[in-house]
Amino acid sequence: MAGEPHAPDREAVHEQPVDGFGTVRILPLDPRADLDVVHGWVSGERASFWGMNGMTRQQVGEIYAHMDTLDTHHAFLLVKDGEPAALLQTYEPEADRVSECYPVEPGDLGVHLLLAPAGPGGARPGWTSGLLTAVVAYVFTVLGRRRIVVDPDERNTKATARFLRQGFVPGPAVVLPEIDLPDVYLPEKRAHLAFLDRERTVGN
């Protein structure tokens, strides 16, 4: 049975009805209010490619509290018909290690997307497509960007296939370098880049 809508009073950066799917709201992530939801998602084995397996609730909260202070990296909660549905992160590629792996162009925006677990009902046909439809509209229409860049782990073939079904064009296989800074540590990552140009979705 559905409970109360998640964060109904929080202002969305984008809200979109998706035909045959439902209404998707993209909310700025609240590192405190959303922590239980997010920690449950990122700490599960199914989210191993997200890189937070084994982290405590406090550690996950600290990461997203730090991200909330940045101008180049942002986190959002996607809510479908009142229920938390996915974690979205966007980033400026020139401020990210991916910039060492491809020639960044003006108007590029990097995107990471982690879907909520399927739950008792099992597989949800059209779920990824519906959520990505709202994300793409936000990036291209609201933010006015020209191209979306994704860098799924090379082992995460399901994620790569989802992006390609949505119209992304495959790019090169790359190795994202290790990052070891006081505020963040990221191990080396082998990834497959993919790109979606605005012209392929909304025209010139």
N, C-alpha and C. Protein backbone atom coordinates (compact mmCIF):
# COMPACT_ATOMS: atom_id res chain seq x y z
N MET A 1 0.84 -1.20 0.00
CA MET A 1 0.00 0.00 0.00
C MET A 1 0.88 1.24 0.00
N ALA A 2 0.56 2.18 -0.85
CA ALA A 2 1.36 3.39 -0.97
C ALA A 2 1.23 4.25 0.28
N GLY A 3 2.33 4.86 0.68
CA GLY A 3 2.30 5.75 1.83
C GLY A 3 2.14 7.20 1.38
N GLU A 4 2.57 8.11 2.26
CA GLU A 4 2.50 9.53 1.92
C GLU A 4 3.51 9.84 0.82
N PRO A 5 3.19 10.79 -0.07
CA PRO A 5 4.16 11.18 -1.11
C PRO A 5 5.46 11.66 -0.47
N HIS A 6 6.58 11.34 -1.11
CA HIS A 6 7.88 11.72 -0.58
C HIS A 6 8.14 13.20 -0.84
N ALA A 7 8.45 13.93 0.23
CA ALA A 7 8.83 15.35 0.15
C ALA A 7 7.88 16.17 -0.73
N PRO A 8 6.57 16.14 -0.45
CA PRO A 8 5.62 16.84 -1.32
C PRO A 8 5.82 18.35 -1.34
N ASP A 9 6.42 18.91 -0.28
CA ASP A 9 6.60 20.36 -0.20
C ASP A 9 7.95 20.84 -0.74
N ARG A 10 8.80 19.91 -1.11
CA ARG A 10 10.12 20.31 -1.63
C ARG A 10 9.97 20.74 -3.09
N GLU A 11 10.55 21.88 -3.42
CA GLU A 11 10.42 22.40 -4.78
C GLU A 11 11.26 21.58 -5.75
N ALA A 12 10.64 21.14 -6.82
CA ALA A 12 11.33 20.35 -7.83
C ALA A 12 12.05 21.27 -8.80
N VAL A 13 13.19 20.81 -9.30
CA VAL A 13 13.87 21.56 -10.36
C VAL A 13 13.22 21.26 -11.71
N HIS A 14 12.50 20.13 -11.75
CA HIS A 14 11.78 19.76 -12.99
C HIS A 14 10.69 18.77 -12.62
N GLU A 15 9.54 18.91 -13.26
CA GLU A 15 8.44 17.97 -13.07
C GLU A 15 7.86 17.66 -14.44
N GLN A 16 7.68 16.38 -14.71
CA GLN A 16 7.23 16.00 -16.05
C GLN A 16 6.32 14.79 -16.04
N PRO A 17 5.12 14.93 -16.64
CA PRO A 17 4.30 13.74 -16.88
C PRO A 17 4.89 12.98 -18.08
N VAL A 18 5.06 11.67 -17.92
CA VAL A 18 5.57 10.83 -19.00
C VAL A 18 4.45 9.88 -19.41
N ASP A 19 4.04 9.95 -20.67
CA ASP A 19 2.93 9.16 -21.16
C ASP A 19 3.11 7.68 -20.86
N GLY A 20 2.09 7.07 -20.28
CA GLY A 20 2.12 5.65 -20.00
C GLY A 20 3.01 5.25 -18.84
N PHE A 21 3.56 6.23 -18.12
CA PHE A 21 4.49 5.93 -17.05
C PHE A 21 4.08 6.57 -15.74
N GLY A 22 3.90 7.87 -15.74
CA GLY A 22 3.54 8.60 -14.53
C GLY A 22 4.23 9.95 -14.50
N THR A 23 4.12 10.62 -13.38
CA THR A 23 4.73 11.94 -13.23
C THR A 23 6.04 11.83 -12.46
N VAL A 24 7.10 12.38 -13.03
CA VAL A 24 8.43 12.33 -12.43
C VAL A 24 8.79 13.72 -11.93
N ARG A 25 9.15 13.81 -10.67
CA ARG A 25 9.66 15.05 -10.09
C ARG A 25 11.15 14.87 -9.80
N ILE A 26 11.96 15.84 -10.18
CA ILE A 26 13.40 15.81 -9.89
C ILE A 26 13.65 16.81 -8.77
N LEU A 27 14.00 16.28 -7.59
CA LEU A 27 14.17 17.09 -6.40
C LEU A 27 15.65 17.20 -6.03
N PRO A 28 16.11 18.38 -5.62
CA PRO A 28 17.46 18.45 -5.06
C PRO A 28 17.57 17.50 -3.88
N LEU A 29 18.61 16.70 -3.84
CA LEU A 29 18.77 15.74 -2.75
C LEU A 29 19.00 16.46 -1.43
N ASP A 30 18.27 16.06 -0.40
CA ASP A 30 18.50 16.56 0.94
C ASP A 30 19.36 15.51 1.66
N PRO A 31 20.64 15.82 1.93
CA PRO A 31 21.55 14.80 2.49
C PRO A 31 21.07 14.23 3.81
N ARG A 32 20.22 14.94 4.53
CA ARG A 32 19.71 14.41 5.80
C ARG A 32 18.37 13.72 5.61
N ALA A 33 17.43 14.42 5.03
CA ALA A 33 16.07 13.89 4.92
C ALA A 33 15.99 12.66 4.02
N ASP A 34 16.86 12.58 3.03
CA ASP A 34 16.82 11.46 2.07
C ASP A 34 17.83 10.37 2.39
N LEU A 35 18.54 10.48 3.51
CA LEU A 35 19.67 9.59 3.77
C LEU A 35 19.25 8.13 3.91
N ASP A 36 18.15 7.87 4.60
CA ASP A 36 17.74 6.48 4.78
C ASP A 36 17.45 5.83 3.43
N VAL A 37 16.75 6.55 2.56
CA VAL A 37 16.43 6.02 1.23
C VAL A 37 17.70 5.77 0.44
N VAL A 38 18.55 6.78 0.37
CA VAL A 38 19.76 6.69 -0.46
C VAL A 38 20.73 5.63 0.07
N HIS A 39 20.94 5.59 1.38
CA HIS A 39 21.85 4.60 1.93
C HIS A 39 21.36 3.18 1.64
N GLY A 40 20.07 2.97 1.74
CA GLY A 40 19.52 1.66 1.43
C GLY A 40 19.79 1.24 -0.01
N TRP A 41 19.77 2.20 -0.91
CA TRP A 41 20.03 1.90 -2.32
C TRP A 41 21.51 1.66 -2.59
N VAL A 42 22.37 2.58 -2.16
CA VAL A 42 23.78 2.53 -2.57
C VAL A 42 24.57 1.45 -1.85
N SER A 43 24.07 0.99 -0.69
CA SER A 43 24.82 0.00 0.08
C SER A 43 24.48 -1.43 -0.33
N GLY A 44 23.47 -1.62 -1.18
CA GLY A 44 23.09 -2.95 -1.60
C GLY A 44 24.04 -3.52 -2.63
N GLU A 45 24.12 -4.84 -2.69
CA GLU A 45 25.03 -5.51 -3.62
C GLU A 45 24.68 -5.16 -5.07
N ARG A 46 23.40 -4.96 -5.36
CA ARG A 46 22.98 -4.64 -6.72
C ARG A 46 23.56 -3.31 -7.19
N ALA A 47 23.99 -2.46 -6.22
CA ALA A 47 24.55 -1.15 -6.56
C ALA A 47 26.07 -1.16 -6.47
N SER A 48 26.69 -2.33 -6.65
CA SER A 48 28.14 -2.43 -6.47
C SER A 48 28.90 -1.49 -7.39
N PHE A 49 28.37 -1.24 -8.60
CA PHE A 49 29.07 -0.37 -9.53
C PHE A 49 28.99 1.10 -9.12
N TRP A 50 28.12 1.42 -8.17
CA TRP A 50 28.01 2.80 -7.68
C TRP A 50 29.20 3.15 -6.79
N GLY A 51 29.85 2.14 -6.21
CA GLY A 51 31.08 2.36 -5.46
C GLY A 51 30.91 2.67 -3.99
N MET A 52 29.73 2.41 -3.41
CA MET A 52 29.51 2.72 -2.00
C MET A 52 29.17 1.49 -1.16
N ASN A 53 29.33 0.30 -1.72
CA ASN A 53 29.06 -0.91 -0.94
C ASN A 53 29.89 -0.92 0.33
N GLY A 54 29.25 -1.29 1.43
CA GLY A 54 29.97 -1.39 2.69
C GLY A 54 30.07 -0.09 3.47
N MET A 55 29.66 1.01 2.88
CA MET A 55 29.73 2.30 3.60
C MET A 55 28.60 2.39 4.62
N THR A 56 28.91 3.02 5.74
CA THR A 56 27.90 3.23 6.77
C THR A 56 26.95 4.35 6.37
N ARG A 57 25.86 4.43 7.08
CA ARG A 57 24.90 5.51 6.85
C ARG A 57 25.59 6.87 7.00
N GLN A 58 26.45 7.00 8.03
CA GLN A 58 27.14 8.26 8.26
C GLN A 58 28.08 8.60 7.11
N GLN A 59 28.82 7.61 6.61
CA GLN A 59 29.76 7.86 5.51
C GLN A 59 29.03 8.32 4.26
N VAL A 60 27.92 7.68 3.94
CA VAL A 60 27.14 8.09 2.77
C VAL A 60 26.60 9.51 2.97
N GLY A 61 26.14 9.80 4.17
CA GLY A 61 25.64 11.14 4.45
C GLY A 61 26.71 12.20 4.30
N GLU A 62 27.93 11.89 4.73
CA GLU A 62 29.03 12.84 4.62
C GLU A 62 29.39 13.11 3.16
N ILE A 63 29.34 12.07 2.33
CA ILE A 63 29.65 12.24 0.91
C ILE A 63 28.66 13.19 0.26
N TYR A 64 27.37 12.98 0.53
CA TYR A 64 26.37 13.82 -0.12
C TYR A 64 26.27 15.21 0.51
N ALA A 65 26.62 15.32 1.79
CA ALA A 65 26.70 16.65 2.40
C ALA A 65 27.84 17.44 1.76
N HIS A 66 28.96 16.77 1.50
CA HIS A 66 30.08 17.44 0.82
C HIS A 66 29.69 17.83 -0.60
N MET A 67 29.02 16.93 -1.32
CA MET A 67 28.61 17.24 -2.68
C MET A 67 27.68 18.45 -2.71
N ASP A 68 26.89 18.61 -1.65
CA ASP A 68 25.93 19.72 -1.58
C ASP A 68 26.63 21.07 -1.51
N THR A 69 27.93 21.06 -1.19
CA THR A 69 28.69 22.32 -1.12
C THR A 69 29.36 22.67 -2.44
N LEU A 70 29.30 21.78 -3.42
CA LEU A 70 30.02 21.97 -4.68
C LEU A 70 29.17 22.68 -5.71
N ASP A 71 29.85 23.41 -6.59
CA ASP A 71 29.16 24.06 -7.71
C ASP A 71 29.19 23.21 -8.97
N THR A 72 30.03 22.18 -8.98
CA THR A 72 30.25 21.41 -10.20
C THR A 72 29.58 20.04 -10.19
N HIS A 73 29.22 19.54 -9.01
CA HIS A 73 28.60 18.23 -8.87
C HIS A 73 27.32 18.39 -8.04
N HIS A 74 26.24 17.77 -8.51
CA HIS A 74 24.94 17.91 -7.83
C HIS A 74 24.24 16.56 -7.76
N ALA A 75 23.45 16.38 -6.71
CA ALA A 75 22.69 15.14 -6.52
C ALA A 75 21.20 15.46 -6.43
N PHE A 76 20.40 14.56 -6.98
CA PHE A 76 18.95 14.74 -7.03
C PHE A 76 18.27 13.41 -6.72
N LEU A 77 17.05 13.51 -6.20
CA LEU A 77 16.20 12.34 -6.01
C LEU A 77 15.07 12.41 -7.03
N LEU A 78 14.91 11.34 -7.80
CA LEU A 78 13.80 11.25 -8.73
C LEU A 78 12.63 10.58 -8.02
N VAL A 79 11.49 11.22 -8.06
CA VAL A 79 10.30 10.71 -7.39
C VAL A 79 9.23 10.49 -8.45
N LYS A 80 8.74 9.26 -8.54
CA LYS A 80 7.69 8.91 -9.51
C LYS A 80 6.37 8.73 -8.78
N ASP A 81 5.40 9.55 -9.12
CA ASP A 81 4.07 9.46 -8.49
C ASP A 81 4.18 9.39 -6.97
N GLY A 82 5.07 10.21 -6.42
CA GLY A 82 5.21 10.31 -4.97
C GLY A 82 6.16 9.33 -4.33
N GLU A 83 6.69 8.36 -5.09
CA GLU A 83 7.58 7.34 -4.54
C GLU A 83 9.01 7.56 -5.03
N PRO A 84 10.01 7.52 -4.13
CA PRO A 84 11.41 7.62 -4.58
C PRO A 84 11.73 6.55 -5.61
N ALA A 85 12.33 6.95 -6.74
CA ALA A 85 12.50 6.03 -7.86
C ALA A 85 13.95 5.90 -8.32
N ALA A 86 14.78 6.92 -8.11
CA ALA A 86 16.16 6.85 -8.59
C ALA A 86 16.98 7.97 -7.98
N LEU A 87 18.29 7.75 -7.96
CA LEU A 87 19.25 8.76 -7.53
C LEU A 87 19.97 9.26 -8.77
N LEU A 88 19.95 10.56 -8.96
CA LEU A 88 20.59 11.20 -10.11
C LEU A 88 21.74 12.08 -9.63
N GLN A 89 22.88 11.95 -10.28
CA GLN A 89 23.99 12.86 -10.05
C GLN A 89 24.41 13.49 -11.37
N THR A 90 24.62 14.79 -11.36
CA THR A 90 25.12 15.49 -12.54
C THR A 90 26.45 16.15 -12.19
N TYR A 91 27.28 16.33 -13.21
CA TYR A 91 28.59 16.93 -12.94
C TYR A 91 29.11 17.60 -14.20
N GLU A 92 29.95 18.61 -13.96
CA GLU A 92 30.63 19.29 -15.06
C GLU A 92 31.83 18.43 -15.46
N PRO A 93 31.87 17.91 -16.68
CA PRO A 93 32.95 17.00 -17.06
C PRO A 93 34.35 17.61 -16.91
N GLU A 94 34.48 18.92 -17.15
CA GLU A 94 35.80 19.52 -17.05
C GLU A 94 36.31 19.55 -15.61
N ALA A 95 35.41 19.38 -14.63
CA ALA A 95 35.80 19.35 -13.22
C ALA A 95 35.84 17.91 -12.69
N ASP A 96 35.83 16.95 -13.59
CA ASP A 96 35.76 15.55 -13.21
C ASP A 96 36.89 14.77 -13.91
N ARG A 97 37.23 13.62 -13.36
CA ARG A 97 38.31 12.83 -13.95
C ARG A 97 38.00 12.35 -15.36
N VAL A 98 36.72 12.33 -15.74
CA VAL A 98 36.37 11.89 -17.09
C VAL A 98 36.99 12.82 -18.14
N SER A 99 37.31 14.05 -17.75
CA SER A 99 37.89 15.01 -18.70
C SER A 99 39.26 14.55 -19.20
N GLU A 100 39.89 13.63 -18.48
CA GLU A 100 41.18 13.09 -18.92
C GLU A 100 41.02 11.99 -19.96
N CYS A 101 39.76 11.63 -20.25
CA CYS A 101 39.51 10.46 -21.10
C CYS A 101 38.82 10.79 -22.41
N TYR A 102 38.34 12.03 -22.59
CA TYR A 102 37.71 12.40 -23.86
C TYR A 102 37.77 13.91 -23.98
N PRO A 103 37.67 14.46 -25.20
CA PRO A 103 37.70 15.92 -25.36
C PRO A 103 36.36 16.54 -24.98
N VAL A 104 36.32 17.20 -23.86
CA VAL A 104 35.09 17.84 -23.38
C VAL A 104 34.70 18.98 -24.32
N GLU A 105 33.42 19.07 -24.63
CA GLU A 105 32.91 20.13 -25.49
C GLU A 105 32.01 21.07 -24.69
N PRO A 106 31.90 22.34 -25.10
CA PRO A 106 30.99 23.25 -24.42
C PRO A 106 29.56 22.70 -24.45
N GLY A 107 28.89 22.77 -23.31
CA GLY A 107 27.52 22.28 -23.24
C GLY A 107 27.40 20.84 -22.80
N ASP A 108 28.52 20.17 -22.53
CA ASP A 108 28.48 18.80 -22.02
C ASP A 108 28.04 18.78 -20.56
N LEU A 109 27.33 17.73 -20.18
CA LEU A 109 26.99 17.51 -18.77
C LEU A 109 27.06 16.01 -18.50
N GLY A 110 27.79 15.64 -17.44
CA GLY A 110 27.88 14.24 -17.06
C GLY A 110 26.71 13.84 -16.19
N VAL A 111 26.28 12.59 -16.32
CA VAL A 111 25.13 12.08 -15.59
C VAL A 111 25.44 10.68 -15.05
N HIS A 112 25.08 10.45 -13.78
CA HIS A 112 25.05 9.11 -13.19
C HIS A 112 23.62 8.86 -12.73
N LEU A 113 23.11 7.64 -12.94
CA LEU A 113 21.74 7.32 -12.55
C LEU A 113 21.71 5.96 -11.88
N LEU A 114 21.19 5.91 -10.65
CA LEU A 114 21.01 4.67 -9.91
C LEU A 114 19.53 4.45 -9.68
N LEU A 115 19.00 3.36 -10.21
CA LEU A 115 17.58 3.07 -10.06
C LEU A 115 17.29 2.47 -8.69
N ALA A 116 16.10 2.76 -8.16
CA ALA A 116 15.65 2.12 -6.93
C ALA A 116 15.49 0.62 -7.17
N PRO A 117 15.65 -0.20 -6.13
CA PRO A 117 15.39 -1.64 -6.28
C PRO A 117 13.97 -1.88 -6.78
N ALA A 118 13.79 -2.97 -7.50
CA ALA A 118 12.49 -3.24 -8.13
C ALA A 118 11.38 -3.51 -7.11
N GLY A 119 11.71 -4.09 -5.96
CA GLY A 119 10.69 -4.35 -4.97
C GLY A 119 9.96 -5.67 -5.22
N PRO A 120 8.91 -5.95 -4.43
CA PRO A 120 8.23 -7.24 -4.49
C PRO A 120 7.62 -7.55 -5.86
N GLY A 121 7.27 -6.51 -6.61
CA GLY A 121 6.63 -6.73 -7.90
C GLY A 121 7.56 -7.21 -9.00
N GLY A 122 8.87 -7.20 -8.74
CA GLY A 122 9.82 -7.68 -9.74
C GLY A 122 10.11 -6.63 -10.80
N ALA A 123 10.49 -7.11 -11.98
CA ALA A 123 10.91 -6.23 -13.08
C ALA A 123 9.82 -5.23 -13.45
N ARG A 124 10.24 -4.04 -13.87
CA ARG A 124 9.30 -2.96 -14.20
C ARG A 124 9.58 -2.49 -15.62
N PRO A 125 8.91 -3.08 -16.61
CA PRO A 125 9.14 -2.68 -18.01
C PRO A 125 8.92 -1.18 -18.20
N GLY A 126 9.84 -0.53 -18.90
CA GLY A 126 9.71 0.88 -19.20
C GLY A 126 10.15 1.82 -18.10
N TRP A 127 10.62 1.26 -16.99
CA TRP A 127 11.00 2.08 -15.84
C TRP A 127 12.17 3.00 -16.19
N THR A 128 13.25 2.43 -16.70
CA THR A 128 14.43 3.24 -17.03
C THR A 128 14.10 4.28 -18.09
N SER A 129 13.37 3.87 -19.11
CA SER A 129 13.02 4.79 -20.19
C SER A 129 12.20 5.96 -19.67
N GLY A 130 11.24 5.68 -18.80
CA GLY A 130 10.41 6.75 -18.25
C GLY A 130 11.20 7.74 -17.44
N LEU A 131 12.09 7.24 -16.59
CA LEU A 131 12.90 8.13 -15.77
C LEU A 131 13.90 8.91 -16.61
N LEU A 132 14.53 8.24 -17.57
CA LEU A 132 15.50 8.93 -18.43
C LEU A 132 14.82 9.99 -19.30
N THR A 133 13.58 9.76 -19.67
CA THR A 133 12.85 10.78 -20.44
C THR A 133 12.79 12.09 -19.66
N ALA A 134 12.52 11.99 -18.36
CA ALA A 134 12.46 13.19 -17.53
C ALA A 134 13.84 13.80 -17.33
N VAL A 135 14.86 12.96 -17.14
CA VAL A 135 16.22 13.46 -16.94
C VAL A 135 16.71 14.19 -18.19
N VAL A 136 16.48 13.58 -19.35
CA VAL A 136 16.92 14.19 -20.61
C VAL A 136 16.23 15.53 -20.83
N ALA A 137 14.94 15.59 -20.53
CA ALA A 137 14.22 16.86 -20.68
C ALA A 137 14.78 17.92 -19.74
N TYR A 138 15.12 17.53 -18.53
CA TYR A 138 15.69 18.48 -17.56
C TYR A 138 17.03 19.01 -18.06
N VAL A 139 17.90 18.13 -18.52
CA VAL A 139 19.24 18.55 -18.94
C VAL A 139 19.18 19.43 -20.18
N PHE A 140 18.37 19.04 -21.16
CA PHE A 140 18.35 19.77 -22.43
C PHE A 140 17.44 20.99 -22.40
N THR A 141 16.28 20.87 -21.78
CA THR A 141 15.30 21.95 -21.84
C THR A 141 15.47 22.96 -20.70
N VAL A 142 15.62 22.45 -19.48
CA VAL A 142 15.73 23.34 -18.32
C VAL A 142 17.14 23.91 -18.20
N LEU A 143 18.14 23.04 -18.29
CA LEU A 143 19.53 23.49 -18.15
C LEU A 143 20.12 24.02 -19.45
N GLY A 144 19.50 23.68 -20.57
CA GLY A 144 19.96 24.19 -21.86
C GLY A 144 21.29 23.60 -22.31
N ARG A 145 21.60 22.37 -21.88
CA ARG A 145 22.86 21.75 -22.27
C ARG A 145 22.74 21.14 -23.67
N ARG A 146 23.90 20.85 -24.26
CA ARG A 146 23.94 20.34 -25.64
C ARG A 146 24.16 18.83 -25.72
N ARG A 147 24.81 18.25 -24.70
CA ARG A 147 25.13 16.83 -24.78
C ARG A 147 25.25 16.22 -23.39
N ILE A 148 24.73 14.99 -23.24
CA ILE A 148 24.85 14.24 -22.00
C ILE A 148 25.94 13.19 -22.18
N VAL A 149 26.79 13.06 -21.15
CA VAL A 149 27.88 12.09 -21.14
C VAL A 149 27.63 11.11 -19.99
N VAL A 150 27.71 9.82 -20.27
CA VAL A 150 27.63 8.81 -19.22
C VAL A 150 28.85 7.92 -19.29
N ASP A 151 29.23 7.35 -18.13
CA ASP A 151 30.45 6.53 -18.08
C ASP A 151 30.23 5.27 -17.22
N PRO A 152 29.27 4.41 -17.61
CA PRO A 152 29.04 3.20 -16.82
C PRO A 152 30.26 2.29 -16.79
N ASP A 153 30.43 1.61 -15.68
CA ASP A 153 31.50 0.62 -15.53
C ASP A 153 31.40 -0.39 -16.67
N GLU A 154 32.54 -0.79 -17.21
CA GLU A 154 32.54 -1.70 -18.35
C GLU A 154 31.86 -3.04 -18.04
N ARG A 155 31.83 -3.41 -16.76
CA ARG A 155 31.18 -4.67 -16.36
C ARG A 155 29.67 -4.52 -16.24
N ASN A 156 29.21 -3.28 -16.17
CA ASN A 156 27.78 -3.03 -15.98
C ASN A 156 27.08 -2.96 -17.34
N THR A 157 27.02 -4.12 -17.99
CA THR A 157 26.47 -4.16 -19.35
C THR A 157 24.99 -3.81 -19.39
N LYS A 158 24.28 -4.06 -18.29
CA LYS A 158 22.85 -3.72 -18.26
C LYS A 158 22.66 -2.21 -18.36
N ALA A 159 23.47 -1.45 -17.62
CA ALA A 159 23.35 0.01 -17.66
C ALA A 159 23.69 0.53 -19.05
N THR A 160 24.76 0.00 -19.64
CA THR A 160 25.14 0.44 -20.99
C THR A 160 24.02 0.17 -21.97
N ALA A 161 23.42 -1.01 -21.89
CA ALA A 161 22.32 -1.36 -22.80
C ALA A 161 21.13 -0.43 -22.62
N ARG A 162 20.85 -0.06 -21.38
CA ARG A 162 19.73 0.86 -21.12
C ARG A 162 19.96 2.20 -21.80
N PHE A 163 21.17 2.72 -21.69
CA PHE A 163 21.47 4.02 -22.30
C PHE A 163 21.38 3.93 -23.82
N LEU A 164 21.88 2.87 -24.40
CA LEU A 164 21.84 2.73 -25.85
C LEU A 164 20.41 2.61 -26.35
N ARG A 165 19.56 1.93 -25.60
CA ARG A 165 18.14 1.84 -25.99
C ARG A 165 17.47 3.21 -25.95
N GLN A 166 17.99 4.10 -25.12
CA GLN A 166 17.42 5.44 -24.99
C GLN A 166 17.94 6.38 -26.07
N GLY A 167 18.84 5.91 -26.94
CA GLY A 167 19.34 6.73 -28.03
C GLY A 167 20.76 7.22 -27.88
N PHE A 168 21.41 6.86 -26.77
CA PHE A 168 22.81 7.24 -26.60
C PHE A 168 23.68 6.53 -27.65
N VAL A 169 24.73 7.21 -28.05
CA VAL A 169 25.68 6.67 -29.03
C VAL A 169 26.91 6.18 -28.27
N PRO A 170 27.34 4.93 -28.51
CA PRO A 170 28.49 4.43 -27.77
C PRO A 170 29.77 5.19 -28.10
N GLY A 171 30.57 5.44 -27.07
CA GLY A 171 31.87 6.08 -27.24
C GLY A 171 32.97 5.09 -26.92
N PRO A 172 34.15 5.59 -26.61
CA PRO A 172 35.29 4.70 -26.39
C PRO A 172 35.28 4.02 -25.02
N ALA A 173 36.00 2.91 -24.92
CA ALA A 173 36.32 2.32 -23.62
C ALA A 173 37.49 3.12 -23.04
N VAL A 174 37.39 3.49 -21.78
CA VAL A 174 38.40 4.35 -21.16
C VAL A 174 38.75 3.82 -19.77
N VAL A 175 39.82 4.36 -19.21
CA VAL A 175 40.19 4.08 -17.83
C VAL A 175 40.19 5.40 -17.07
N LEU A 176 39.22 5.56 -16.17
CA LEU A 176 39.17 6.77 -15.35
C LEU A 176 40.22 6.64 -14.25
N PRO A 177 41.10 7.62 -14.10
CA PRO A 177 42.21 7.49 -13.15
C PRO A 177 41.75 7.53 -11.70
N GLU A 178 42.55 6.94 -10.84
CA GLU A 178 42.31 6.99 -9.40
C GLU A 178 42.35 8.43 -8.91
N ILE A 179 41.46 8.76 -7.99
CA ILE A 179 41.45 10.07 -7.34
C ILE A 179 41.68 9.85 -5.85
N ASP A 180 42.70 10.48 -5.29
CA ASP A 180 43.01 10.31 -3.86
C ASP A 180 43.25 11.69 -3.27
N LEU A 181 42.17 12.30 -2.76
CA LEU A 181 42.22 13.64 -2.18
C LEU A 181 41.70 13.58 -0.75
N PRO A 182 41.94 14.62 0.05
CA PRO A 182 41.45 14.61 1.43
C PRO A 182 39.93 14.42 1.53
N ASP A 183 39.18 14.99 0.59
CA ASP A 183 37.71 14.93 0.68
C ASP A 183 37.09 13.79 -0.11
N VAL A 184 37.85 13.16 -0.98
CA VAL A 184 37.26 12.12 -1.83
C VAL A 184 38.32 11.13 -2.28
N TYR A 185 37.91 9.85 -2.29
CA TYR A 185 38.76 8.82 -2.88
C TYR A 185 37.94 8.01 -3.87
N LEU A 186 38.46 7.87 -5.09
CA LEU A 186 37.81 7.07 -6.12
C LEU A 186 38.85 6.15 -6.73
N PRO A 187 38.60 4.85 -6.71
CA PRO A 187 39.56 3.93 -7.34
C PRO A 187 39.51 4.05 -8.86
N GLU A 188 40.53 3.55 -9.51
CA GLU A 188 40.53 3.50 -10.97
C GLU A 188 39.28 2.77 -11.46
N LYS A 189 38.73 3.25 -12.57
CA LYS A 189 37.49 2.66 -13.09
C LYS A 189 37.60 2.49 -14.60
N ARG A 190 37.33 1.28 -15.06
CA ARG A 190 37.25 1.01 -16.50
C ARG A 190 35.81 1.20 -16.92
N ALA A 191 35.60 2.05 -17.91
CA ALA A 191 34.24 2.45 -18.27
C ALA A 191 34.06 2.49 -19.78
N HIS A 192 32.82 2.47 -20.19
CA HIS A 192 32.46 2.71 -21.58
C HIS A 192 31.68 4.01 -21.65
N LEU A 193 32.21 5.00 -22.33
CA LEU A 193 31.50 6.26 -22.48
C LEU A 193 30.36 6.11 -23.49
N ALA A 194 29.33 6.94 -23.31
CA ALA A 194 28.25 7.04 -24.29
C ALA A 194 27.73 8.46 -24.25
N PHE A 195 27.17 8.92 -25.37
CA PHE A 195 26.79 10.32 -25.52
C PHE A 195 25.39 10.44 -26.12
N LEU A 196 24.68 11.45 -25.67
CA LEU A 196 23.38 11.78 -26.27
C LEU A 196 23.37 13.26 -26.62
N ASP A 197 23.26 13.57 -27.91
CA ASP A 197 23.21 14.96 -28.36
C ASP A 197 21.78 15.49 -28.31
N ARG A 198 21.64 16.76 -27.95
CA ARG A 198 20.32 17.36 -27.89
C ARG A 198 19.60 17.29 -29.23
N GLU A 199 20.34 17.42 -30.32
CA GLU A 199 19.74 17.41 -31.64
C GLU A 199 19.06 16.08 -31.94
N ARG A 200 19.50 15.02 -31.30
CA ARG A 200 18.90 13.70 -31.53
C ARG A 200 17.56 13.55 -30.83
N THR A 201 17.26 14.47 -29.91
CA THR A 201 16.04 14.30 -29.13
C THR A 201 15.03 15.44 -29.32
N VAL A 202 15.53 16.67 -29.39
CA VAL A 202 14.60 17.80 -29.44
C VAL A 202 14.78 18.66 -30.67
N GLY A 203 15.72 18.29 -31.55
CA GLY A 203 15.95 19.11 -32.74
C GLY A 203 16.83 20.29 -32.45
N ASN A 204 17.09 21.10 -33.45
CA ASN A 204 17.98 22.25 -33.29
C ASN A 204 17.29 23.38 -32.56
